[in-house]
Amino acid sequence: MKPLRVGVIGVGHLGQHHARLYAALPGATLAGVTDDDPERAKLIADRHQVPVFAQAAALLERIDAVSVAVPTSAHHAVVTACLKAGVHVLVEKPIAVTLPEARDLVALADAKGCVLQVGHIERFNPVIRAVRPLIGKPGFIECHRLSPFGSRGTDVDVVLDLMIHDLDMVLSFDPGPVEEVRAAGMPVLSATNDI
């Protein structure tokens, strides 16, 4: 079986790790990277000895699958281009900014026969995997997340950027219908809700 040719669009904070892991993954070949920051793209491409592409369209012509690790506000446009090119996509969470955008991407992936996977990595966290079988039928789940503030990811609300992990974990503990959700947040350090 020939290796899967994979690319990475966006090699910043998270995308650099996608490139690193693909470069080391048996059965895959990192075929190239692209980023809005040409110097960053060259740095990561040189690190893994792969081509750098000035435009995503040129990369898409040479790959079977792609990781999209761009700011959330660009997910819909970038993932749409990938799917229209017939390329399978792993997109960093959240899938999109709005529900209509998310539904549009799912419909397009179905229409093109492409895999569209969202990077909900916390469900594979060893702690979560160990705890899941110990939880019976939960009646109430409360989540709290606290971490240092960083300006990365502030193009969208903290609910989309980080709380999406908590929602995904809760749904993995009990995939039944949700009866009620309560959340509170406010902008303190940025223009979007950050706490």
Foldseek 3Di string as FASTA:
>chain_A
DAAFEEEEEACPPPRLVVLVCQLVDPRHHDAAYEYCDVVSRVVSCVVSVHYYDPDVLVVLVPGQEYEYEDAQQCLLVVLLSNLVSLHAYEYEFDNHQDPVSNVVSVVSCVVSVHHYHYCLPVCVPPVLVVCLVVDDADPDDDDDDDDDDDPPRPVHACCRVPVVSVVVSVCSSPVDDDDDDDDDFDDDPDPHTDD
